[in-house]
Amino acid sequence: MPLSEDEQRILAEIEKNLHESDPRLAKEVGETTVYRHALGSLKWSVLGFIAGVAVMIATLQIHFMLAFCGFLMMLVSALGFERNLRLMGRAGINQVSSAFRAANPNLGRQSEKSEEGDD
């Protein structure tokens, strides 16, 4: 349901007052999304998984229990990745991917060119 003209005017006035009184907060609220925390956790999970693989490979010849610790790091990271992906949901994943595409417009064009070249 769209806002009435009076409600739009009140909302614009509130936004203007926020920008005047605390511009840093207004900028932070404008840039922050609901999915920011989950996306950050996804990044840490991927990093933890890669570190777990490295620990497992590096310590496999030293002792199997150390390699098992690397495997546990991988397992915990994979579970954290899955949990945060579920928290984001389809809408969050679509929002992140569309923001990524908007930030990197040439990325999609390169894959289209390579598909055309394959024909």
PDB file of N, CA and C in Angstrom:
ATOM      1  N   MET A   1       0.848  -1.170   0.000  1.00  0.00           N
ATOM      2  CA  MET A   1       0.000   0.000   0.000  1.00  0.00           C
ATOM      3  C   MET A   1       0.895   1.235   0.000  1.00  0.00           C
ATOM      4  N   PRO A   2       0.750   2.102  -0.981  1.00  0.00           N
ATOM      5  CA  PRO A   2       1.604   3.290  -1.069  1.00  0.00           C
ATOM      6  C   PRO A   2       1.270   4.299   0.029  1.00  0.00           C
ATOM      7  N   LEU A   3       2.264   5.118   0.340  1.00  0.00           N
ATOM      8  CA  LEU A   3       2.071   6.155   1.345  1.00  0.00           C
ATOM      9  C   LEU A   3       1.321   7.335   0.748  1.00  0.00           C
ATOM     10  N   SER A   4       0.543   7.992   1.592  1.00  0.00           N
ATOM     11  CA  SER A   4      -0.159   9.197   1.137  1.00  0.00           C
ATOM     12  C   SER A   4       0.866  10.330   1.011  1.00  0.00           C
ATOM     13  N   GLU A   5       0.459  11.420   0.395  1.00  0.00           N
ATOM     14  CA  GLU A   5       1.366  12.554   0.217  1.00  0.00           C
ATOM     15  C   GLU A   5       1.806  13.119   1.561  1.00  0.00           C
ATOM     16  N   ASP A   6       0.885  13.156   2.512  1.00  0.00           N
ATOM     17  CA  ASP A   6       1.215  13.671   3.844  1.00  0.00           C
ATOM     18  C   ASP A   6       2.236  12.767   4.533  1.00  0.00           C
ATOM     19  N   GLU A   7       2.058  11.442   4.419  1.00  0.00           N
ATOM     20  CA  GLU A   7       2.996  10.500   5.020  1.00  0.00           C
ATOM     21  C   GLU A   7       4.364  10.582   4.339  1.00  0.00           C
ATOM     22  N   GLN A   8       4.371  10.758   3.031  1.00  0.00           N
ATOM     23  CA  GLN A   8       5.640  10.898   2.312  1.00  0.00           C
ATOM     24  C   GLN A   8       6.369  12.165   2.736  1.00  0.00           C
ATOM     25  N   ARG A   9       5.629  13.241   2.941  1.00  0.00           N
ATOM     26  CA  ARG A   9       6.221  14.499   3.382  1.00  0.00           C
ATOM     27  C   ARG A   9       6.822  14.349   4.770  1.00  0.00           C
ATOM     28  N   ILE A  10       6.091  13.678   5.677  1.00  0.00           N
ATOM     29  CA  ILE A  10       6.587  13.462   7.042  1.00  0.00           C
ATOM     30  C   ILE A  10       7.844  12.599   7.013  1.00  0.00           C
ATOM     31  N   LEU A  11       7.840  11.551   6.207  1.00  0.00           N
ATOM     32  CA  LEU A  11       9.002  10.662   6.097  1.00  0.00           C
ATOM     33  C   LEU A  11      10.216  11.413   5.548  1.00  0.00           C
ATOM     34  N   ALA A  12       9.997  12.248   4.529  1.00  0.00           N
ATOM     35  CA  ALA A  12      11.096  13.038   3.967  1.00  0.00           C
ATOM     36  C   ALA A  12      11.652  14.009   5.007  1.00  0.00           C
ATOM     37  N   GLU A  13      10.786  14.575   5.828  1.00  0.00           N
ATOM     38  CA  GLU A  13      11.219  15.495   6.875  1.00  0.00           C
ATOM     39  C   GLU A  13      12.050  14.759   7.936  1.00  0.00           C
ATOM     40  N   ILE A  14      11.612  13.558   8.298  1.00  0.00           N
ATOM     41  CA  ILE A  14      12.366  12.760   9.276  1.00  0.00           C
ATOM     42  C   ILE A  14      13.746  12.410   8.722  1.00  0.00           C
ATOM     43  N   GLU A  15      13.810  11.996   7.458  1.00  0.00           N
ATOM     44  CA  GLU A  15      15.098  11.675   6.828  1.00  0.00           C
ATOM     45  C   GLU A  15      16.011  12.891   6.791  1.00  0.00           C
ATOM     46  N   LYS A  16      15.459  14.033   6.455  1.00  0.00           N
ATOM     47  CA  LYS A  16      16.244  15.262   6.395  1.00  0.00           C
ATOM     48  C   LYS A  16      16.803  15.612   7.771  1.00  0.00           C
ATOM     49  N   ASN A  17      15.968  15.484   8.811  1.00  0.00           N
ATOM     50  CA  ASN A  17      16.421  15.771  10.176  1.00  0.00           C
ATOM     51  C   ASN A  17      17.513  14.795  10.611  1.00  0.00           C
ATOM     52  N   LEU A  18      17.385  13.528  10.207  1.00  0.00           N
ATOM     53  CA  LEU A  18      18.409  12.539  10.551  1.00  0.00           C
ATOM     54  C   LEU A  18      19.729  12.883   9.875  1.00  0.00           C
ATOM     55  N   HIS A  19      19.677  13.255   8.597  1.00  0.00           N
ATOM     56  CA  HIS A  19      20.912  13.621   7.884  1.00  0.00           C
ATOM     57  C   HIS A  19      21.563  14.859   8.487  1.00  0.00           C
ATOM     58  N   GLU A  20      20.753  15.787   8.977  1.00  0.00           N
ATOM     59  CA  GLU A  20      21.314  17.004   9.573  1.00  0.00           C
ATOM     60  C   GLU A  20      21.875  16.750  10.965  1.00  0.00           C
ATOM     61  N   SER A  21      21.172  15.944  11.758  1.00  0.00           N
ATOM     62  CA  SER A  21      21.590  15.753  13.143  1.00  0.00           C
ATOM     63  C   SER A  21      22.743  14.751  13.279  1.00  0.00           C
ATOM     64  N   ASP A  22      22.724  13.667  12.500  1.00  0.00           N
ATOM     65  CA  ASP A  22      23.774  12.647  12.614  1.00  0.00           C
ATOM     66  C   ASP A  22      24.052  12.049  11.230  1.00  0.00           C
ATOM     67  N   PRO A  23      24.878  12.715  10.425  1.00  0.00           N
ATOM     68  CA  PRO A  23      25.126  12.217   9.066  1.00  0.00           C
ATOM     69  C   PRO A  23      25.840  10.869   9.032  1.00  0.00           C
ATOM     70  N   ARG A  24      26.674  10.596  10.038  1.00  0.00           N
ATOM     71  CA  ARG A  24      27.380   9.314  10.074  1.00  0.00           C
ATOM     72  C   ARG A  24      26.395   8.158  10.267  1.00  0.00           C
ATOM     73  N   LEU A  25      25.439   8.342  11.174  1.00  0.00           N
ATOM     74  CA  LEU A  25      24.422   7.321  11.398  1.00  0.00           C
ATOM     75  C   LEU A  25      23.548   7.149  10.158  1.00  0.00           C
ATOM     76  N   ALA A  26      23.184   8.239   9.521  1.00  0.00           N
ATOM     77  CA  ALA A  26      22.359   8.157   8.316  1.00  0.00           C
ATOM     78  C   ALA A  26      23.074   7.391   7.210  1.00  0.00           C
ATOM     79  N   LYS A  27      24.384   7.616   7.076  1.00  0.00           N
ATOM     80  CA  LYS A  27      25.159   6.895   6.064  1.00  0.00           C
ATOM     81  C   LYS A  27      25.234   5.413   6.400  1.00  0.00           C
ATOM     82  N   GLU A  28      25.468   5.098   7.675  1.00  0.00           N
ATOM     83  CA  GLU A  28      25.574   3.699   8.095  1.00  0.00           C
ATOM     84  C   GLU A  28      24.249   2.961   7.905  1.00  0.00           C
ATOM     85  N   VAL A  29      23.153   3.593   8.249  1.00  0.00           N
ATOM     86  CA  VAL A  29      21.830   2.971   8.070  1.00  0.00           C
ATOM     87  C   VAL A  29      21.535   2.780   6.590  1.00  0.00           C
ATOM     88  N   GLY A  30      21.942   3.710   5.766  1.00  0.00           N
ATOM     89  CA  GLY A  30      21.705   3.595   4.331  1.00  0.00           C
ATOM     90  C   GLY A  30      22.515   2.496   3.672  1.00  0.00           C
ATOM     91  N   GLU A  31      23.706   2.186   4.198  1.00  0.00           N
ATOM     92  CA  GLU A  31      24.575   1.188   3.586  1.00  0.00           C
ATOM     93  C   GLU A  31      24.400  -0.215   4.170  1.00  0.00           C
ATOM     94  N   THR A  32      23.886  -0.314   5.383  1.00  0.00           N
ATOM     95  CA  THR A  32      23.779  -1.598   6.061  1.00  0.00           C
ATOM     96  C   THR A  32      22.539  -2.348   5.588  1.00  0.00           C
ATOM     97  N   THR A  33      22.715  -3.646   5.323  1.00  0.00           N
ATOM     98  CA  THR A  33      21.584  -4.483   4.961  1.00  0.00           C
ATOM     99  C   THR A  33      21.320  -5.486   6.075  1.00  0.00           C
ATOM    100  N   VAL A  34      20.190  -6.139   5.988  1.00  0.00           N
ATOM    101  CA  VAL A  34      19.806  -7.137   6.976  1.00  0.00           C
ATOM    102  C   VAL A  34      20.761  -8.326   6.918  1.00  0.00           C
ATOM    103  N   TYR A  35      21.328  -8.586   5.753  1.00  0.00           N
ATOM    104  CA  TYR A  35      22.116  -9.786   5.527  1.00  0.00           C
ATOM    105  C   TYR A  35      23.615  -9.577   5.730  1.00  0.00           C
ATOM    106  N   ARG A  36      24.014  -8.431   6.189  1.00  0.00           N
ATOM    107  CA  ARG A  36      25.438  -8.106   6.302  1.00  0.00           C
ATOM    108  C   ARG A  36      26.166  -9.048   7.274  1.00  0.00           C
ATOM    109  N   HIS A  37      25.560  -9.318   8.423  1.00  0.00           N
ATOM    110  CA  HIS A  37      26.201 -10.191   9.410  1.00  0.00           C
ATOM    111  C   HIS A  37      26.340 -11.608   8.878  1.00  0.00           C
ATOM    112  N   ALA A  38      25.282 -12.126   8.258  1.00  0.00           N
ATOM    113  CA  ALA A  38      25.335 -13.489   7.716  1.00  0.00           C
ATOM    114  C   ALA A  38      26.379 -13.588   6.608  1.00  0.00           C
ATOM    115  N   LEU A  39      26.486 -12.574   5.777  1.00  0.00           N
ATOM    116  CA  LEU A  39      27.480 -12.585   4.706  1.00  0.00           C
ATOM    117  C   LEU A  39      28.899 -12.565   5.272  1.00  0.00           C
ATOM    118  N   GLY A  40      29.114 -11.784   6.318  1.00  0.00           N
ATOM    119  CA  GLY A  40      30.419 -11.778   6.965  1.00  0.00           C
ATOM    120  C   GLY A  40      30.756 -13.137   7.569  1.00  0.00           C
ATOM    121  N   SER A  41      29.755 -13.778   8.154  1.00  0.00           N
ATOM    122  CA  SER A  41      29.974 -15.116   8.720  1.00  0.00           C
ATOM    123  C   SER A  41      30.262 -16.137   7.624  1.00  0.00           C
ATOM    124  N   LEU A  42      29.634 -15.974   6.466  1.00  0.00           N
ATOM    125  CA  LEU A  42      29.920 -16.870   5.341  1.00  0.00           C
ATOM    126  C   LEU A  42      31.381 -16.749   4.914  1.00  0.00           C
ATOM    127  N   LYS A  43      31.864 -15.534   4.860  1.00  0.00           N
ATOM    128  CA  LYS A  43      33.261 -15.313   4.470  1.00  0.00           C
ATOM    129  C   LYS A  43      34.214 -15.975   5.472  1.00  0.00           C
ATOM    130  N   TRP A  44      33.928 -15.827   6.774  1.00  0.00           N
ATOM    131  CA  TRP A  44      34.775 -16.451   7.786  1.00  0.00           C
ATOM    132  C   TRP A  44      34.695 -17.975   7.713  1.00  0.00           C
ATOM    133  N   SER A  45      33.526 -18.499   7.376  1.00  0.00           N
ATOM    134  CA  SER A  45      33.385 -19.956   7.249  1.00  0.00           C
ATOM    135  C   SER A  45      34.234 -20.486   6.102  1.00  0.00           C
ATOM    136  N   VAL A  46      34.229 -19.789   4.983  1.00  0.00           N
ATOM    137  CA  VAL A  46      35.051 -20.211   3.845  1.00  0.00           C
ATOM    138  C   VAL A  46      36.527 -20.153   4.220  1.00  0.00           C
ATOM    139  N   LEU A  47      36.921 -19.094   4.902  1.00  0.00           N
ATOM    140  CA  LEU A  47      38.311 -18.962   5.343  1.00  0.00           C
ATOM    141  C   LEU A  47      38.691 -20.084   6.307  1.00  0.00           C
ATOM    142  N   GLY A  48      37.785 -20.410   7.233  1.00  0.00           N
ATOM    143  CA  GLY A  48      38.036 -21.494   8.177  1.00  0.00           C
ATOM    144  C   GLY A  48      38.144 -22.843   7.491  1.00  0.00           C
ATOM    145  N   PHE A  49      37.318 -23.047   6.466  1.00  0.00           N
ATOM    146  CA  PHE A  49      37.373 -24.306   5.716  1.00  0.00           C
ATOM    147  C   PHE A  49      38.718 -24.445   5.005  1.00  0.00           C
ATOM    148  N   ILE A  50      39.153 -23.375   4.371  1.00  0.00           N
ATOM    149  CA  ILE A  50      40.445 -23.399   3.676  1.00  0.00           C
ATOM    150  C   ILE A  50      41.587 -23.627   4.671  1.00  0.00           C
ATOM    151  N   ALA A  51      41.509 -22.984   5.831  1.00  0.00           N
ATOM    152  CA  ALA A  51      42.530 -23.192   6.864  1.00  0.00           C
ATOM    153  C   ALA A  51      42.504 -24.636   7.357  1.00  0.00           C
ATOM    154  N   GLY A  52      41.317 -25.215   7.482  1.00  0.00           N
ATOM    155  CA  GLY A  52      41.199 -26.611   7.906  1.00  0.00           C
ATOM    156  C   GLY A  52      41.823 -27.564   6.907  1.00  0.00           C
ATOM    157  N   VAL A  53      41.620 -27.295   5.624  1.00  0.00           N
ATOM    158  CA  VAL A  53      42.249 -28.122   4.586  1.00  0.00           C
ATOM    159  C   VAL A  53      43.770 -28.020   4.685  1.00  0.00           C
ATOM    160  N   ALA A  54      44.256 -26.806   4.868  1.00  0.00           N
ATOM    161  CA  ALA A  54      45.706 -26.600   4.960  1.00  0.00           C
ATOM    162  C   ALA A  54      46.278 -27.315   6.180  1.00  0.00           C
ATOM    163  N   VAL A  55      45.600 -27.209   7.320  1.00  0.00           N
ATOM    164  CA  VAL A  55      46.070 -27.887   8.534  1.00  0.00           C
ATOM    165  C   VAL A  55      46.054 -29.396   8.333  1.00  0.00           C
ATOM    166  N   MET A  56      44.982 -29.903   7.732  1.00  0.00           N
ATOM    167  CA  MET A  56      44.876 -31.342   7.530  1.00  0.00           C
ATOM    168  C   MET A  56      45.992 -31.862   6.623  1.00  0.00           C
ATOM    169  N   ILE A  57      46.233 -31.169   5.533  1.00  0.00           N
ATOM    170  CA  ILE A  57      47.265 -31.610   4.596  1.00  0.00           C
ATOM    171  C   ILE A  57      48.662 -31.468   5.211  1.00  0.00           C
ATOM    172  N   ALA A  58      48.883 -30.371   5.911  1.00  0.00           N
ATOM    173  CA  ALA A  58      50.211 -30.122   6.472  1.00  0.00           C
ATOM    174  C   ALA A  58      50.557 -31.081   7.609  1.00  0.00           C
ATOM    175  N   THR A  59      49.554 -31.522   8.364  1.00  0.00           N
ATOM    176  CA  THR A  59      49.838 -32.347   9.536  1.00  0.00           C
ATOM    177  C   THR A  59      49.557 -33.826   9.323  1.00  0.00           C
ATOM    178  N   LEU A  60      49.163 -34.217   8.142  1.00  0.00           N
ATOM    179  CA  LEU A  60      48.835 -35.615   7.892  1.00  0.00           C
ATOM    180  C   LEU A  60      50.044 -36.524   8.082  1.00  0.00           C
ATOM    181  N   GLN A  61      51.212 -36.066   7.723  1.00  0.00           N
ATOM    182  CA  GLN A  61      52.411 -36.894   7.880  1.00  0.00           C
ATOM    183  C   GLN A  61      52.978 -36.823   9.296  1.00  0.00           C
ATOM    184  N   ILE A  62      52.576 -35.807  10.061  1.00  0.00           N
ATOM    185  CA  ILE A  62      53.100 -35.660  11.427  1.00  0.00           C
ATOM    186  C   ILE A  62      52.358 -36.604  12.379  1.00  0.00           C
ATOM    187  N   HIS A  63      51.038 -36.435  12.453  1.00  0.00           N
ATOM    188  CA  HIS A  63      50.242 -37.267  13.334  1.00  0.00           C
ATOM    189  C   HIS A  63      48.793 -37.215  12.865  1.00  0.00           C
ATOM    190  N   PHE A  64      48.125 -38.366  12.895  1.00  0.00           N
ATOM    191  CA  PHE A  64      46.765 -38.414  12.368  1.00  0.00           C
ATOM    192  C   PHE A  64      45.787 -37.606  13.218  1.00  0.00           C
ATOM    193  N   MET A  65      46.055 -37.428  14.527  1.00  0.00           N
ATOM    194  CA  MET A  65      45.158 -36.646  15.382  1.00  0.00           C
ATOM    195  C   MET A  65      45.218 -35.156  15.030  1.00  0.00           C
ATOM    196  N   LEU A  66      46.382 -34.676  14.652  1.00  0.00           N
ATOM    197  CA  LEU A  66      46.485 -33.283  14.214  1.00  0.00           C
ATOM    198  C   LEU A  66      45.728 -33.087  12.903  1.00  0.00           C
ATOM    199  N   ALA A  67      45.836 -34.058  12.015  1.00  0.00           N
ATOM    200  CA  ALA A  67      45.090 -33.984  10.762  1.00  0.00           C
ATOM    201  C   ALA A  67      43.591 -34.055  11.030  1.00  0.00           C
ATOM    202  N   PHE A  68      43.217 -34.842  12.032  1.00  0.00           N
ATOM    203  CA  PHE A  68      41.807 -34.933  12.400  1.00  0.00           C
ATOM    204  C   PHE A  68      41.297 -33.591  12.930  1.00  0.00           C
ATOM    205  N   CYS A  69      42.146 -32.847  13.634  1.00  0.00           N
ATOM    206  CA  CYS A  69      41.765 -31.497  14.084  1.00  0.00           C
ATOM    207  C   CYS A  69      41.496 -30.582  12.885  1.00  0.00           C
ATOM    208  N   GLY A  70      42.303 -30.728  11.849  1.00  0.00           N
ATOM    209  CA  GLY A  70      42.053 -29.969  10.620  1.00  0.00           C
ATOM    210  C   GLY A  70      40.726 -30.358   9.992  1.00  0.00           C
ATOM    211  N   PHE A  71      40.424 -31.656  10.022  1.00  0.00           N
ATOM    212  CA  PHE A  71      39.135 -32.115   9.506  1.00  0.00           C
ATOM    213  C   PHE A  71      37.984 -31.540  10.318  1.00  0.00           C
ATOM    214  N   LEU A  72      38.148 -31.490  11.637  1.00  0.00           N
ATOM    215  CA  LEU A  72      37.102 -30.901  12.484  1.00  0.00           C
ATOM    216  C   LEU A  72      36.912 -29.417  12.186  1.00  0.00           C
ATOM    217  N   MET A  73      38.012 -28.719  11.908  1.00  0.00           N
ATOM    218  CA  MET A  73      37.901 -27.304  11.507  1.00  0.00           C
ATOM    219  C   MET A  73      37.074 -27.181  10.229  1.00  0.00           C
ATOM    220  N   MET A  74      37.345 -28.089   9.276  1.00  0.00           N
ATOM    221  CA  MET A  74      36.585 -28.072   8.025  1.00  0.00           C
ATOM    222  C   MET A  74      35.105 -28.357   8.279  1.00  0.00           C
ATOM    223  N   LEU A  75      34.815 -29.317   9.147  1.00  0.00           N
ATOM    224  CA  LEU A  75      33.436 -29.688   9.444  1.00  0.00           C
ATOM    225  C   LEU A  75      32.679 -28.545  10.097  1.00  0.00           C
ATOM    226  N   VAL A  76      33.289 -27.923  11.104  1.00  0.00           N
ATOM    227  CA  VAL A  76      32.638 -26.806  11.787  1.00  0.00           C
ATOM    228  C   VAL A  76      32.422 -25.641  10.822  1.00  0.00           C
ATOM    229  N   SER A  77      33.383 -25.379   9.973  1.00  0.00           N
ATOM    230  CA  SER A  77      33.245 -24.282   9.000  1.00  0.00           C
ATOM    231  C   SER A  77      32.140 -24.575   7.997  1.00  0.00           C
ATOM    232  N   ALA A  78      32.064 -25.821   7.535  1.00  0.00           N
ATOM    233  CA  ALA A  78      31.013 -26.190   6.578  1.00  0.00           C
ATOM    234  C   ALA A  78      29.637 -26.078   7.216  1.00  0.00           C
ATOM    235  N   LEU A  79      29.506 -26.482   8.479  1.00  0.00           N
ATOM    236  CA  LEU A  79      28.224 -26.361   9.167  1.00  0.00           C
ATOM    237  C   LEU A  79      27.857 -24.890   9.386  1.00  0.00           C
ATOM    238  N   GLY A  80      28.842 -24.073   9.723  1.00  0.00           N
ATOM    239  CA  GLY A  80      28.590 -22.640   9.874  1.00  0.00           C
ATOM    240  C   GLY A  80      28.182 -21.999   8.563  1.00  0.00           C
ATOM    241  N   PHE A  81      28.813 -22.411   7.478  1.00  0.00           N
ATOM    242  CA  PHE A  81      28.468 -21.898   6.154  1.00  0.00           C
ATOM    243  C   PHE A  81      27.013 -22.238   5.815  1.00  0.00           C
ATOM    244  N   GLU A  82      26.654 -23.495   6.049  1.00  0.00           N
ATOM    245  CA  GLU A  82      25.294 -23.943   5.739  1.00  0.00           C
ATOM    246  C   GLU A  82      24.269 -23.207   6.600  1.00  0.00           C
ATOM    247  N   ARG A  83      24.571 -23.019   7.879  1.00  0.00           N
ATOM    248  CA  ARG A  83      23.641 -22.341   8.780  1.00  0.00           C
ATOM    249  C   ARG A  83      23.413 -20.889   8.348  1.00  0.00           C
ATOM    250  N   ASN A  84      24.491 -20.189   8.028  1.00  0.00           N
ATOM    251  CA  ASN A  84      24.353 -18.792   7.622  1.00  0.00           C
ATOM    252  C   ASN A  84      23.695 -18.656   6.264  1.00  0.00           C
ATOM    253  N   LEU A  85      23.912 -19.631   5.387  1.00  0.00           N
ATOM    254  CA  LEU A  85      23.246 -19.609   4.095  1.00  0.00           C
ATOM    255  C   LEU A  85      21.743 -19.770   4.280  1.00  0.00           C
ATOM    256  N   ARG A  86      21.349 -20.637   5.192  1.00  0.00           N
ATOM    257  CA  ARG A  86      19.918 -20.800   5.493  1.00  0.00           C
ATOM    258  C   ARG A  86      19.341 -19.544   6.132  1.00  0.00           C
ATOM    259  N   LEU A  87      20.120 -18.881   6.997  1.00  0.00           N
ATOM    260  CA  LEU A  87      19.650 -17.647   7.621  1.00  0.00           C
ATOM    261  C   LEU A  87      19.410 -16.556   6.583  1.00  0.00           C
ATOM    262  N   MET A  88      20.271 -16.503   5.591  1.00  0.00           N
ATOM    263  CA  MET A  88      20.111 -15.500   4.541  1.00  0.00           C
ATOM    264  C   MET A  88      18.874 -15.789   3.701  1.00  0.00           C
ATOM    265  N   GLY A  89      18.643 -17.037   3.397  1.00  0.00           N
ATOM    266  CA  GLY A  89      17.498 -17.395   2.583  1.00  0.00           C
ATOM    267  C   GLY A  89      17.683 -16.992   1.136  1.00  0.00           C
ATOM    268  N   ARG A  90      16.695 -17.316   0.345  1.00  0.00           N
ATOM    269  CA  ARG A  90      16.754 -17.031  -1.082  1.00  0.00           C
ATOM    270  C   ARG A  90      16.783 -15.532  -1.357  1.00  0.00           C
ATOM    271  N   ALA A  91      15.997 -14.764  -0.584  1.00  0.00           N
ATOM    272  CA  ALA A  91      15.944 -13.311  -0.807  1.00  0.00           C
ATOM    273  C   ALA A  91      17.302 -12.671  -0.520  1.00  0.00           C
ATOM    274  N   GLY A  92      17.963 -13.113   0.536  1.00  0.00           N
ATOM    275  CA  GLY A  92      19.272 -12.560   0.874  1.00  0.00           C
ATOM    276  C   GLY A  92      20.320 -12.892  -0.161  1.00  0.00           C
ATOM    277  N   ILE A  93      20.286 -14.131  -0.650  1.00  0.00           N
ATOM    278  CA  ILE A  93      21.250 -14.538  -1.669  1.00  0.00           C
ATOM    279  C   ILE A  93      21.025 -13.742  -2.947  1.00  0.00           C
ATOM    280  N   ASN A  94      19.762 -13.545  -3.321  1.00  0.00           N
ATOM    281  CA  ASN A  94      19.458 -12.751  -4.517  1.00  0.00           C
ATOM    282  C   ASN A  94      19.903 -11.305  -4.347  1.00  0.00           C
ATOM    283  N   GLN A  95      19.722 -10.745  -3.145  1.00  0.00           N
ATOM    284  CA  GLN A  95      20.127  -9.362  -2.913  1.00  0.00           C
ATOM    285  C   GLN A  95      21.644  -9.227  -3.000  1.00  0.00           C
ATOM    286  N   VAL A  96      22.363 -10.160  -2.413  1.00  0.00           N
ATOM    287  CA  VAL A  96      23.826 -10.103  -2.450  1.00  0.00           C
ATOM    288  C   VAL A  96      24.331 -10.286  -3.875  1.00  0.00           C
ATOM    289  N   SER A  97      23.757 -11.236  -4.613  1.00  0.00           N
ATOM    290  CA  SER A  97      24.218 -11.471  -5.983  1.00  0.00           C
ATOM    291  C   SER A  97      23.892 -10.292  -6.893  1.00  0.00           C
ATOM    292  N   SER A  98      22.732  -9.658  -6.700  1.00  0.00           N
ATOM    293  CA  SER A  98      22.415  -8.497  -7.535  1.00  0.00           C
ATOM    294  C   SER A  98      23.322  -7.315  -7.191  1.00  0.00           C
ATOM    295  N   ALA A  99      23.667  -7.160  -5.918  1.00  0.00           N
ATOM    296  CA  ALA A  99      24.595  -6.092  -5.535  1.00  0.00           C
ATOM    297  C   ALA A  99      25.981  -6.371  -6.106  1.00  0.00           C
ATOM    298  N   PHE A 100      26.386  -7.644  -6.131  1.00  0.00           N
ATOM    299  CA  PHE A 100      27.683  -8.008  -6.694  1.00  0.00           C
ATOM    300  C   PHE A 100      27.698  -7.740  -8.196  1.00  0.00           C
ATOM    301  N   ARG A 101      26.602  -8.093  -8.874  1.00  0.00           N
ATOM    302  CA  ARG A 101      26.524  -7.837 -10.317  1.00  0.00           C
ATOM    303  C   ARG A 101      26.525  -6.347 -10.622  1.00  0.00           C
ATOM    304  N   ALA A 102      25.871  -5.560  -9.768  1.00  0.00           N
ATOM    305  CA  ALA A 102      25.840  -4.112  -9.981  1.00  0.00           C
ATOM    306  C   ALA A 102      27.232  -3.506  -9.770  1.00  0.00           C
ATOM    307  N   ALA A 103      27.975  -4.063  -8.816  1.00  0.00           N
ATOM    308  CA  ALA A 103      29.319  -3.555  -8.551  1.00  0.00           C
ATOM    309  C   ALA A 103      30.316  -3.996  -9.618  1.00  0.00           C
ATOM    310  N   ASN A 104      30.056  -5.120 -10.285  1.00  0.00           N
ATOM    311  CA  ASN A 104      30.954  -5.663 -11.313  1.00  0.00           C
ATOM    312  C   ASN A 104      30.183  -5.909 -12.609  1.00  0.00           C
ATOM    313  N   PRO A 105      29.806  -4.867 -13.331  1.00  0.00           N
ATOM    314  CA  PRO A 105      28.981  -5.065 -14.526  1.00  0.00           C
ATOM    315  C   PRO A 105      29.700  -5.794 -15.666  1.00  0.00           C
ATOM    316  N   ASN A 106      31.009  -5.707 -15.739  1.00  0.00           N
ATOM    317  CA  ASN A 106      31.750  -6.352 -16.830  1.00  0.00           C
ATOM    318  C   ASN A 106      31.881  -7.852 -16.632  1.00  0.00           C
ATOM    319  N   LEU A 107      31.664  -8.334 -15.422  1.00  0.00           N
ATOM    320  CA  LEU A 107      31.826  -9.758 -15.129  1.00  0.00           C
ATOM    321  C   LEU A 107      30.824 -10.586 -15.929  1.00  0.00           C
ATOM    322  N   GLY A 108      29.581 -10.166 -16.012  1.00  0.00           N
ATOM    323  CA  GLY A 108      28.565 -10.895 -16.767  1.00  0.00           C
ATOM    324  C   GLY A 108      28.813 -10.830 -18.265  1.00  0.00           C
ATOM    325  N   ARG A 109      29.323  -9.727 -18.734  1.00  0.00           N
ATOM    326  CA  ARG A 109      29.587  -9.584 -20.165  1.00  0.00           C
ATOM    327  C   ARG A 109      30.707 -10.508 -20.627  1.00  0.00           C
ATOM    328  N   GLN A 110      31.699 -10.727 -19.784  1.00  0.00           N
ATOM    329  CA  GLN A 110      32.807 -11.607 -20.150  1.00  0.00           C
ATOM    330  C   GLN A 110      32.331 -13.035 -20.326  1.00  0.00           C
ATOM    331  N   SER A 111      31.429 -13.498 -19.465  1.00  0.00           N
ATOM    332  CA  SER A 111      30.934 -14.870 -19.601  1.00  0.00           C
ATOM    333  C   SER A 111      30.035 -14.995 -20.826  1.00  0.00           C
ATOM    334  N   GLU A 112      29.293 -13.935 -21.159  1.00  0.00           N
ATOM    335  CA  GLU A 112      28.464 -13.964 -22.365  1.00  0.00           C
ATOM    336  C   GLU A 112      29.344 -14.026 -23.613  1.00  0.00           C
ATOM    337  N   LYS A 113      30.454 -13.288 -23.622  1.00  0.00           N
ATOM    338  CA  LYS A 113      31.358 -13.296 -24.773  1.00  0.00           C
ATOM    339  C   LYS A 113      32.003 -14.658 -24.947  1.00  0.00           C
ATOM    340  N   SER A 114      32.363 -15.296 -23.835  1.00  0.00           N
ATOM    341  CA  SER A 114      32.997 -16.623 -23.951  1.00  0.00           C
ATOM    342  C   SER A 114      31.995 -17.659 -24.439  1.00  0.00           C
ATOM    343  N   GLU A 115      30.709 -17.520 -24.086  1.00  0.00           N
ATOM    344  CA  GLU A 115      29.690 -18.439 -24.581  1.00  0.00           C
ATOM    345  C   GLU A 115      29.465 -18.239 -26.077  1.00  0.00           C
ATOM    346  N   GLU A 116      29.518 -16.987 -26.545  1.00  0.00           N
ATOM    347  CA  GLU A 116      29.339 -16.707 -27.964  1.00  0.00           C
ATOM    348  C   GLU A 116      30.509 -17.243 -28.763  1.00  0.00           C
ATOM    349  N   GLY A 117      31.708 -17.179 -28.193  1.00  0.00           N
ATOM    350  CA  GLY A 117      32.900 -17.654 -28.873  1.00  0.00           C
ATOM    351  C   GLY A 117      32.935 -19.166 -29.000  1.00  0.00           C
ATOM    352  N   ASP A 118      32.232 -19.887 -28.118  1.00  0.00           N
ATOM    353  CA  ASP A 118      32.216 -21.347 -28.139  1.00  0.00           C
ATOM    354  C   ASP A 118      31.379 -21.889 -29.284  1.00  0.00           C
ATOM    355  N   ASP A 119      30.439 -21.112 -29.809  1.00  0.00           N
ATOM    356  CA  ASP A 119      29.531 -21.597 -30.873  1.00  0.00           C
ATOM    357  C   ASP A 119      30.207 -21.773 -32.186  1.00  0.00           C
TER     358      ASP A 119
END
